[in-house]
Amino acid sequence: MSDTGYVAPLLATWRRMTRWPAGRWLFSRAVCLKAPYFSTIAPRFQVLEPGRCEVRMRDRRAVHNHIGTVHAIALCNLAELAGGVMLDASLPRGMRWIPKGMSVAYLARARGRMHAVATPERPIEAADAGYELPVVVEVGNDAGEAVFSARITMWVSPKPAKA
């Protein structure tokens, strides 16, 4: 099922928008318009290429918990956003995805701006049947310290034929 030259629509949009002034900001806003819950963390996409997505989240009161660090669910939100956008930009034609489960580890207090990097655990492939694809998301602070990691099990399957 090779599809030489195919570029996923989301990746094509990223490539087009990042040529514009404020293109990364506009792309980030567009993603949040499509999936409004992600706007709660005010993400900013930094890198998007097949098999890799990098997203930043500013340190602000709206994402803090009661002890003044970045809330656990804000980190989960950042991880799911990075993993989902990476996968959407990387899928072969005719495939779709949905998160099936996520395991997380809180490695250190999350203070400051967060930087998430999402990559697949193995190659992303077209298939005739659905399959599980683990996506790894590592989140660190500006000092480069790892503060959070997630392993998201994605269900990747062929899109149904249109009637």
N, C-alpha and C. Protein backbone atom coordinates (compact mmCIF):
# COMPACT_ATOMS: atom_id res chain seq x y z
N MET A 1 0.83 -1.19 0.00
CA MET A 1 0.00 0.00 0.00
C MET A 1 0.87 1.25 0.00
N SER A 2 1.86 1.32 -0.84
CA SER A 2 2.74 2.48 -0.92
C SER A 2 2.00 3.65 -1.56
N ASP A 3 2.24 4.85 -1.03
CA ASP A 3 1.59 6.05 -1.53
C ASP A 3 2.65 7.13 -1.70
N THR A 4 3.56 6.90 -2.63
CA THR A 4 4.69 7.78 -2.86
C THR A 4 4.23 9.20 -3.14
N GLY A 5 4.84 10.16 -2.46
CA GLY A 5 4.54 11.56 -2.69
C GLY A 5 3.36 12.10 -1.91
N TYR A 6 2.62 11.25 -1.21
CA TYR A 6 1.45 11.72 -0.45
C TYR A 6 1.91 12.52 0.77
N VAL A 7 1.27 13.65 0.99
CA VAL A 7 1.49 14.46 2.18
C VAL A 7 0.15 14.60 2.88
N ALA A 8 0.08 14.21 4.15
CA ALA A 8 -1.16 14.31 4.91
C ALA A 8 -1.66 15.76 4.90
N PRO A 9 -2.97 15.95 4.81
CA PRO A 9 -3.52 17.31 4.74
C PRO A 9 -3.06 18.23 5.89
N LEU A 10 -2.99 17.73 7.10
CA LEU A 10 -2.57 18.56 8.23
C LEU A 10 -1.11 18.99 8.06
N LEU A 11 -0.27 18.11 7.59
CA LEU A 11 1.13 18.45 7.36
C LEU A 11 1.26 19.47 6.23
N ALA A 12 0.46 19.33 5.18
CA ALA A 12 0.47 20.31 4.09
C ALA A 12 0.04 21.69 4.61
N THR A 13 -0.95 21.72 5.49
CA THR A 13 -1.40 22.98 6.08
C THR A 13 -0.28 23.61 6.91
N TRP A 14 0.38 22.80 7.72
CA TRP A 14 1.51 23.28 8.52
C TRP A 14 2.59 23.90 7.62
N ARG A 15 2.96 23.18 6.59
CA ARG A 15 4.02 23.67 5.70
C ARG A 15 3.63 24.98 5.02
N ARG A 16 2.38 25.09 4.64
CA ARG A 16 1.91 26.32 4.00
C ARG A 16 1.87 27.47 5.02
N MET A 17 1.29 27.24 6.19
CA MET A 17 1.09 28.31 7.17
C MET A 17 2.40 28.79 7.80
N THR A 18 3.36 27.92 7.95
CA THR A 18 4.61 28.34 8.61
C THR A 18 5.47 29.22 7.71
N ARG A 19 5.10 29.38 6.46
CA ARG A 19 5.79 30.32 5.59
C ARG A 19 5.31 31.75 5.81
N TRP A 20 4.17 31.89 6.49
CA TRP A 20 3.58 33.21 6.73
C TRP A 20 4.13 33.82 8.02
N PRO A 21 4.12 35.15 8.11
CA PRO A 21 4.42 35.78 9.41
C PRO A 21 3.39 35.28 10.43
N ALA A 22 3.84 34.94 11.60
CA ALA A 22 2.98 34.42 12.67
C ALA A 22 2.29 33.11 12.28
N GLY A 23 2.85 32.38 11.33
CA GLY A 23 2.23 31.15 10.84
C GLY A 23 2.10 30.06 11.89
N ARG A 24 3.11 29.90 12.74
CA ARG A 24 3.02 28.88 13.80
C ARG A 24 1.90 29.21 14.77
N TRP A 25 1.79 30.49 15.10
CA TRP A 25 0.71 30.93 16.00
C TRP A 25 -0.64 30.66 15.34
N LEU A 26 -0.78 31.02 14.07
CA LEU A 26 -2.04 30.79 13.35
C LEU A 26 -2.38 29.30 13.28
N PHE A 27 -1.38 28.47 13.01
CA PHE A 27 -1.61 27.03 12.96
C PHE A 27 -2.09 26.53 14.33
N SER A 28 -1.45 26.98 15.39
CA SER A 28 -1.83 26.58 16.75
C SER A 28 -3.27 26.97 17.04
N ARG A 29 -3.66 28.17 16.63
CA ARG A 29 -5.04 28.62 16.83
C ARG A 29 -6.01 27.78 16.01
N ALA A 30 -5.63 27.45 14.79
CA ALA A 30 -6.51 26.65 13.92
C ALA A 30 -6.75 25.27 14.52
N VAL A 31 -5.70 24.65 15.05
CA VAL A 31 -5.87 23.34 15.69
C VAL A 31 -6.83 23.46 16.87
N CYS A 32 -6.70 24.53 17.65
CA CYS A 32 -7.58 24.71 18.81
C CYS A 32 -9.01 25.04 18.41
N LEU A 33 -9.21 25.64 17.25
CA LEU A 33 -10.57 25.85 16.76
C LEU A 33 -11.22 24.52 16.37
N LYS A 34 -10.41 23.61 15.81
CA LYS A 34 -10.91 22.29 15.41
C LYS A 34 -11.20 21.42 16.64
N ALA A 35 -10.34 21.51 17.65
CA ALA A 35 -10.48 20.73 18.89
C ALA A 35 -10.38 21.70 20.06
N PRO A 36 -11.48 22.35 20.44
CA PRO A 36 -11.47 23.47 21.38
C PRO A 36 -10.86 23.20 22.76
N TYR A 37 -10.95 21.98 23.26
CA TYR A 37 -10.42 21.73 24.60
C TYR A 37 -8.93 22.03 24.69
N PHE A 38 -8.20 21.83 23.61
CA PHE A 38 -6.75 22.07 23.65
C PHE A 38 -6.41 23.55 23.85
N SER A 39 -7.36 24.43 23.59
CA SER A 39 -7.09 25.86 23.81
C SER A 39 -6.88 26.17 25.28
N THR A 40 -7.29 25.29 26.18
CA THR A 40 -7.10 25.53 27.62
C THR A 40 -5.64 25.61 28.01
N ILE A 41 -4.75 25.04 27.20
CA ILE A 41 -3.31 25.10 27.52
C ILE A 41 -2.56 26.10 26.63
N ALA A 42 -3.27 26.77 25.71
CA ALA A 42 -2.67 27.76 24.81
C ALA A 42 -1.37 27.24 24.17
N PRO A 43 -1.46 26.12 23.43
CA PRO A 43 -0.25 25.52 22.86
C PRO A 43 0.34 26.35 21.73
N ARG A 44 1.64 26.14 21.51
CA ARG A 44 2.34 26.74 20.36
C ARG A 44 3.16 25.64 19.70
N PHE A 45 2.81 25.31 18.47
CA PHE A 45 3.54 24.28 17.74
C PHE A 45 4.89 24.84 17.30
N GLN A 46 5.92 24.02 17.44
CA GLN A 46 7.28 24.42 17.08
C GLN A 46 7.79 23.66 15.87
N VAL A 47 7.54 22.34 15.85
CA VAL A 47 8.02 21.46 14.78
C VAL A 47 6.91 20.48 14.46
N LEU A 48 6.70 20.25 13.17
CA LEU A 48 5.78 19.20 12.74
C LEU A 48 6.35 18.61 11.45
N GLU A 49 6.64 17.33 11.53
CA GLU A 49 7.16 16.59 10.37
C GLU A 49 6.69 15.15 10.54
N PRO A 50 6.75 14.35 9.49
CA PRO A 50 6.32 12.95 9.64
C PRO A 50 7.09 12.28 10.78
N GLY A 51 6.36 11.76 11.74
CA GLY A 51 6.97 11.05 12.86
C GLY A 51 7.47 11.92 13.99
N ARG A 52 7.18 13.22 13.98
CA ARG A 52 7.66 14.10 15.06
C ARG A 52 6.80 15.36 15.16
N CYS A 53 6.44 15.68 16.41
CA CYS A 53 5.73 16.93 16.68
C CYS A 53 6.29 17.51 17.98
N GLU A 54 6.58 18.81 17.98
CA GLU A 54 7.04 19.51 19.16
C GLU A 54 6.09 20.66 19.44
N VAL A 55 5.62 20.72 20.68
CA VAL A 55 4.66 21.73 21.09
C VAL A 55 5.12 22.32 22.42
N ARG A 56 4.97 23.63 22.57
CA ARG A 56 5.28 24.32 23.83
C ARG A 56 4.00 24.80 24.50
N MET A 57 4.08 24.88 25.81
CA MET A 57 2.99 25.41 26.63
C MET A 57 3.62 26.41 27.61
N ARG A 58 3.12 27.65 27.59
CA ARG A 58 3.64 28.67 28.49
C ARG A 58 3.29 28.35 29.94
N ASP A 59 4.10 28.86 30.84
CA ASP A 59 3.81 28.77 32.26
C ASP A 59 2.90 29.95 32.61
N ARG A 60 1.70 29.63 33.01
CA ARG A 60 0.74 30.67 33.40
C ARG A 60 -0.20 30.11 34.44
N ARG A 61 -0.81 30.99 35.20
CA ARG A 61 -1.66 30.59 36.32
C ARG A 61 -2.78 29.62 35.89
N ALA A 62 -3.31 29.80 34.71
CA ALA A 62 -4.44 28.99 34.24
C ALA A 62 -4.13 27.50 34.16
N VAL A 63 -2.85 27.11 34.09
CA VAL A 63 -2.49 25.70 34.02
C VAL A 63 -1.87 25.20 35.32
N HIS A 64 -1.89 26.01 36.36
CA HIS A 64 -1.29 25.61 37.65
C HIS A 64 -2.26 24.81 38.52
N ASN A 65 -1.68 24.04 39.40
CA ASN A 65 -2.43 23.35 40.43
C ASN A 65 -2.33 24.15 41.73
N HIS A 66 -2.77 23.57 42.83
CA HIS A 66 -2.79 24.28 44.11
C HIS A 66 -1.41 24.54 44.71
N ILE A 67 -0.36 23.87 44.21
CA ILE A 67 0.99 24.12 44.74
C ILE A 67 1.85 24.94 43.78
N GLY A 68 1.22 25.46 42.73
CA GLY A 68 1.92 26.38 41.84
C GLY A 68 2.75 25.74 40.74
N THR A 69 2.58 24.44 40.53
CA THR A 69 3.26 23.78 39.42
C THR A 69 2.24 23.50 38.32
N VAL A 70 2.72 23.08 37.16
CA VAL A 70 1.81 22.78 36.05
C VAL A 70 0.97 21.55 36.41
N HIS A 71 -0.31 21.68 36.27
CA HIS A 71 -1.26 20.64 36.65
C HIS A 71 -1.06 19.37 35.82
N ALA A 72 -1.26 18.24 36.46
CA ALA A 72 -1.09 16.94 35.81
C ALA A 72 -1.96 16.80 34.56
N ILE A 73 -3.18 17.27 34.63
CA ILE A 73 -4.07 17.13 33.48
C ILE A 73 -3.67 18.07 32.35
N ALA A 74 -3.09 19.22 32.66
CA ALA A 74 -2.57 20.10 31.60
C ALA A 74 -1.43 19.38 30.87
N LEU A 75 -0.61 18.65 31.61
CA LEU A 75 0.48 17.88 30.98
C LEU A 75 -0.09 16.75 30.12
N CYS A 76 -1.13 16.09 30.59
CA CYS A 76 -1.78 15.04 29.79
C CYS A 76 -2.38 15.64 28.52
N ASN A 77 -2.99 16.81 28.65
CA ASN A 77 -3.57 17.51 27.51
C ASN A 77 -2.49 17.83 26.48
N LEU A 78 -1.35 18.34 26.95
CA LEU A 78 -0.22 18.65 26.07
C LEU A 78 0.28 17.39 25.36
N ALA A 79 0.37 16.30 26.10
CA ALA A 79 0.85 15.04 25.52
C ALA A 79 -0.12 14.51 24.46
N GLU A 80 -1.42 14.53 24.75
CA GLU A 80 -2.38 14.03 23.77
C GLU A 80 -2.40 14.91 22.52
N LEU A 81 -2.28 16.21 22.70
CA LEU A 81 -2.23 17.11 21.55
C LEU A 81 -1.02 16.82 20.68
N ALA A 82 0.15 16.75 21.28
CA ALA A 82 1.38 16.50 20.51
C ALA A 82 1.31 15.15 19.81
N GLY A 83 0.88 14.11 20.52
CA GLY A 83 0.80 12.78 19.93
C GLY A 83 -0.22 12.69 18.81
N GLY A 84 -1.39 13.29 19.01
CA GLY A 84 -2.43 13.25 18.01
C GLY A 84 -2.09 14.02 16.75
N VAL A 85 -1.52 15.21 16.92
CA VAL A 85 -1.15 16.00 15.74
C VAL A 85 -0.01 15.33 14.98
N MET A 86 0.96 14.78 15.72
CA MET A 86 2.04 14.05 15.04
C MET A 86 1.47 12.92 14.19
N LEU A 87 0.55 12.15 14.78
CA LEU A 87 0.00 11.01 14.06
C LEU A 87 -0.84 11.47 12.87
N ASP A 88 -1.65 12.49 13.07
CA ASP A 88 -2.49 12.99 11.98
C ASP A 88 -1.64 13.47 10.81
N ALA A 89 -0.50 14.08 11.10
CA ALA A 89 0.39 14.58 10.06
C ALA A 89 1.23 13.48 9.41
N SER A 90 1.21 12.28 9.99
CA SER A 90 2.09 11.20 9.54
C SER A 90 1.36 10.04 8.88
N LEU A 91 0.05 9.98 9.03
CA LEU A 91 -0.70 8.82 8.54
C LEU A 91 -0.71 8.72 7.02
N PRO A 92 -0.62 7.51 6.51
CA PRO A 92 -0.80 7.30 5.07
C PRO A 92 -2.25 7.63 4.68
N ARG A 93 -2.45 7.89 3.40
CA ARG A 93 -3.78 8.17 2.87
C ARG A 93 -4.76 7.05 3.26
N GLY A 94 -5.96 7.45 3.62
CA GLY A 94 -7.01 6.48 3.90
C GLY A 94 -6.99 5.89 5.30
N MET A 95 -6.11 6.39 6.17
CA MET A 95 -6.05 5.88 7.54
C MET A 95 -6.54 6.95 8.52
N ARG A 96 -6.99 6.51 9.67
CA ARG A 96 -7.44 7.42 10.73
C ARG A 96 -6.95 6.89 12.07
N TRP A 97 -7.13 7.68 13.14
CA TRP A 97 -6.63 7.29 14.46
C TRP A 97 -7.57 7.79 15.54
N ILE A 98 -7.46 7.16 16.69
CA ILE A 98 -8.15 7.63 17.90
C ILE A 98 -7.34 7.12 19.09
N PRO A 99 -7.22 7.92 20.15
CA PRO A 99 -6.49 7.42 21.33
C PRO A 99 -7.29 6.29 22.00
N LYS A 100 -6.57 5.30 22.43
CA LYS A 100 -7.20 4.13 23.07
C LYS A 100 -6.86 4.06 24.55
N GLY A 101 -5.72 4.60 24.92
CA GLY A 101 -5.31 4.59 26.32
C GLY A 101 -4.03 5.38 26.48
N MET A 102 -3.74 5.76 27.72
CA MET A 102 -2.52 6.52 27.97
C MET A 102 -2.00 6.19 29.36
N SER A 103 -0.71 5.91 29.44
CA SER A 103 -0.05 5.76 30.75
C SER A 103 0.95 6.89 30.86
N VAL A 104 1.06 7.43 32.07
CA VAL A 104 1.91 8.62 32.27
C VAL A 104 2.82 8.42 33.47
N ALA A 105 3.89 9.19 33.48
CA ALA A 105 4.80 9.20 34.63
C ALA A 105 5.16 10.66 34.91
N TYR A 106 5.02 11.05 36.15
CA TYR A 106 5.39 12.39 36.59
C TYR A 106 6.80 12.27 37.17
N LEU A 107 7.76 12.87 36.50
CA LEU A 107 9.17 12.64 36.80
C LEU A 107 9.78 13.70 37.71
N ALA A 108 9.24 14.91 37.66
CA ALA A 108 9.75 16.01 38.48
C ALA A 108 8.67 17.08 38.54
N ARG A 109 8.82 18.03 39.45
CA ARG A 109 7.87 19.14 39.49
C ARG A 109 7.92 19.89 38.17
N ALA A 110 6.76 20.13 37.61
CA ALA A 110 6.67 20.81 36.32
C ALA A 110 6.54 22.31 36.57
N ARG A 111 7.64 23.01 36.41
CA ARG A 111 7.66 24.46 36.59
C ARG A 111 8.21 25.10 35.33
N GLY A 112 7.64 26.24 34.95
CA GLY A 112 8.11 26.96 33.78
C GLY A 112 7.42 26.49 32.51
N ARG A 113 7.98 26.92 31.40
CA ARG A 113 7.42 26.55 30.10
C ARG A 113 7.71 25.08 29.83
N MET A 114 6.72 24.37 29.28
CA MET A 114 6.85 22.95 28.98
C MET A 114 7.05 22.77 27.48
N HIS A 115 7.86 21.77 27.13
CA HIS A 115 8.16 21.45 25.73
C HIS A 115 7.92 19.96 25.54
N ALA A 116 6.93 19.61 24.73
CA ALA A 116 6.58 18.21 24.47
C ALA A 116 7.11 17.78 23.12
N VAL A 117 7.63 16.55 23.07
CA VAL A 117 8.10 15.95 21.82
C VAL A 117 7.42 14.59 21.67
N ALA A 118 6.66 14.44 20.59
CA ALA A 118 5.93 13.19 20.33
C ALA A 118 6.54 12.46 19.15
N THR A 119 6.76 11.15 19.33
CA THR A 119 7.27 10.29 18.27
C THR A 119 6.58 8.93 18.36
N PRO A 120 6.43 8.23 17.25
CA PRO A 120 5.86 6.88 17.30
C PRO A 120 6.91 5.90 17.80
N GLU A 121 6.44 4.86 18.48
CA GLU A 121 7.37 3.83 18.96
C GLU A 121 7.88 2.94 17.84
N ARG A 122 7.13 2.85 16.76
CA ARG A 122 7.55 2.06 15.60
C ARG A 122 7.00 2.73 14.35
N PRO A 123 7.39 2.29 13.18
CA PRO A 123 6.92 2.95 11.95
C PRO A 123 5.40 2.94 11.81
N ILE A 124 4.90 4.00 11.22
CA ILE A 124 3.46 4.15 10.95
C ILE A 124 3.21 3.57 9.57
N GLU A 125 2.24 2.68 9.48
CA GLU A 125 2.00 1.97 8.22
C GLU A 125 0.54 2.00 7.82
N ALA A 126 0.30 1.92 6.54
CA ALA A 126 -1.04 1.68 6.03
C ALA A 126 -1.35 0.20 6.27
N ALA A 127 -2.60 -0.11 6.51
CA ALA A 127 -2.97 -1.49 6.77
C ALA A 127 -4.42 -1.72 6.33
N ASP A 128 -4.75 -2.97 6.12
CA ASP A 128 -6.11 -3.33 5.75
C ASP A 128 -7.00 -3.53 6.97
N ALA A 129 -6.39 -3.62 8.15
CA ALA A 129 -7.13 -3.79 9.39
C ALA A 129 -6.54 -2.85 10.44
N GLY A 130 -7.30 -2.58 11.49
CA GLY A 130 -6.84 -1.70 12.54
C GLY A 130 -5.71 -2.32 13.35
N TYR A 131 -4.89 -1.45 13.93
CA TYR A 131 -3.79 -1.92 14.78
C TYR A 131 -3.46 -0.87 15.84
N GLU A 132 -2.84 -1.33 16.92
CA GLU A 132 -2.41 -0.42 17.97
C GLU A 132 -1.04 0.14 17.63
N LEU A 133 -0.87 1.44 17.84
CA LEU A 133 0.40 2.10 17.61
C LEU A 133 0.75 2.93 18.84
N PRO A 134 1.78 2.54 19.58
CA PRO A 134 2.19 3.34 20.74
C PRO A 134 2.92 4.62 20.29
N VAL A 135 2.56 5.72 20.91
CA VAL A 135 3.21 7.01 20.67
C VAL A 135 3.82 7.45 22.00
N VAL A 136 5.08 7.84 21.96
CA VAL A 136 5.79 8.29 23.15
C VAL A 136 5.86 9.81 23.14
N VAL A 137 5.53 10.42 24.28
CA VAL A 137 5.63 11.87 24.41
C VAL A 137 6.48 12.16 25.64
N GLU A 138 7.55 12.90 25.40
CA GLU A 138 8.45 13.34 26.49
C GLU A 138 8.24 14.83 26.68
N VAL A 139 8.08 15.25 27.94
CA VAL A 139 7.88 16.67 28.24
C VAL A 139 8.98 17.13 29.17
N GLY A 140 9.59 18.23 28.79
CA GLY A 140 10.66 18.80 29.61
C GLY A 140 10.44 20.29 29.82
N ASN A 141 11.25 20.86 30.72
CA ASN A 141 11.18 22.30 30.97
C ASN A 141 12.29 23.00 30.18
N ASP A 142 12.39 24.32 30.34
CA ASP A 142 13.39 25.08 29.58
C ASP A 142 14.82 24.73 29.95
N ALA A 143 15.02 24.15 31.13
CA ALA A 143 16.36 23.74 31.54
C ALA A 143 16.74 22.39 30.94
N GLY A 144 15.80 21.76 30.21
CA GLY A 144 16.07 20.46 29.60
C GLY A 144 15.80 19.30 30.53
N GLU A 145 15.23 19.56 31.69
CA GLU A 145 14.92 18.51 32.65
C GLU A 145 13.61 17.82 32.26
N ALA A 146 13.62 16.49 32.21
CA ALA A 146 12.40 15.72 31.92
C ALA A 146 11.48 15.80 33.13
N VAL A 147 10.23 16.23 32.91
CA VAL A 147 9.29 16.37 34.02
C VAL A 147 8.10 15.41 33.90
N PHE A 148 7.87 14.88 32.69
CA PHE A 148 6.67 14.08 32.45
C PHE A 148 6.89 13.23 31.21
N SER A 149 6.36 12.03 31.21
CA SER A 149 6.37 11.22 30.00
C SER A 149 5.05 10.49 29.88
N ALA A 150 4.68 10.23 28.64
CA ALA A 150 3.43 9.53 28.38
C ALA A 150 3.65 8.52 27.26
N ARG A 151 2.92 7.44 27.35
CA ARG A 151 2.87 6.45 26.27
C ARG A 151 1.39 6.32 25.92
N ILE A 152 1.05 6.79 24.73
CA ILE A 152 -0.35 6.81 24.30
C ILE A 152 -0.55 5.69 23.29
N THR A 153 -1.50 4.82 23.59
CA THR A 153 -1.84 3.76 22.65
C THR A 153 -2.89 4.31 21.71
N MET A 154 -2.52 4.42 20.45
CA MET A 154 -3.43 4.91 19.41
C MET A 154 -4.00 3.73 18.63
N TRP A 155 -5.26 3.81 18.28
CA TRP A 155 -5.86 2.81 17.40
C TRP A 155 -5.86 3.43 16.00
N VAL A 156 -5.12 2.80 15.11
CA VAL A 156 -4.99 3.25 13.73
C VAL A 156 -5.75 2.26 12.86
N SER A 157 -6.64 2.79 12.00
CA SER A 157 -7.45 1.89 11.17
C SER A 157 -7.79 2.56 9.84
N PRO A 158 -8.17 1.75 8.85
CA PRO A 158 -8.59 2.33 7.57
C PRO A 158 -9.89 3.12 7.75
N LYS A 159 -9.99 4.22 7.01
CA LYS A 159 -11.24 4.97 7.01
C LYS A 159 -12.28 4.12 6.29
N PRO A 160 -13.54 4.18 6.75
CA PRO A 160 -14.57 3.41 6.05
C PRO A 160 -14.80 3.98 4.65
N ALA A 161 -15.17 3.11 3.75
CA ALA A 161 -15.46 3.55 2.38
C ALA A 161 -16.70 4.45 2.40
N LYS A 162 -16.65 5.51 1.60
CA LYS A 162 -17.79 6.42 1.52
C LYS A 162 -18.88 5.80 0.69
N ALA A 163 -20.11 5.98 1.18
CA ALA A 163 -21.25 5.39 0.48
C ALA A 163 -21.68 6.21 -0.71
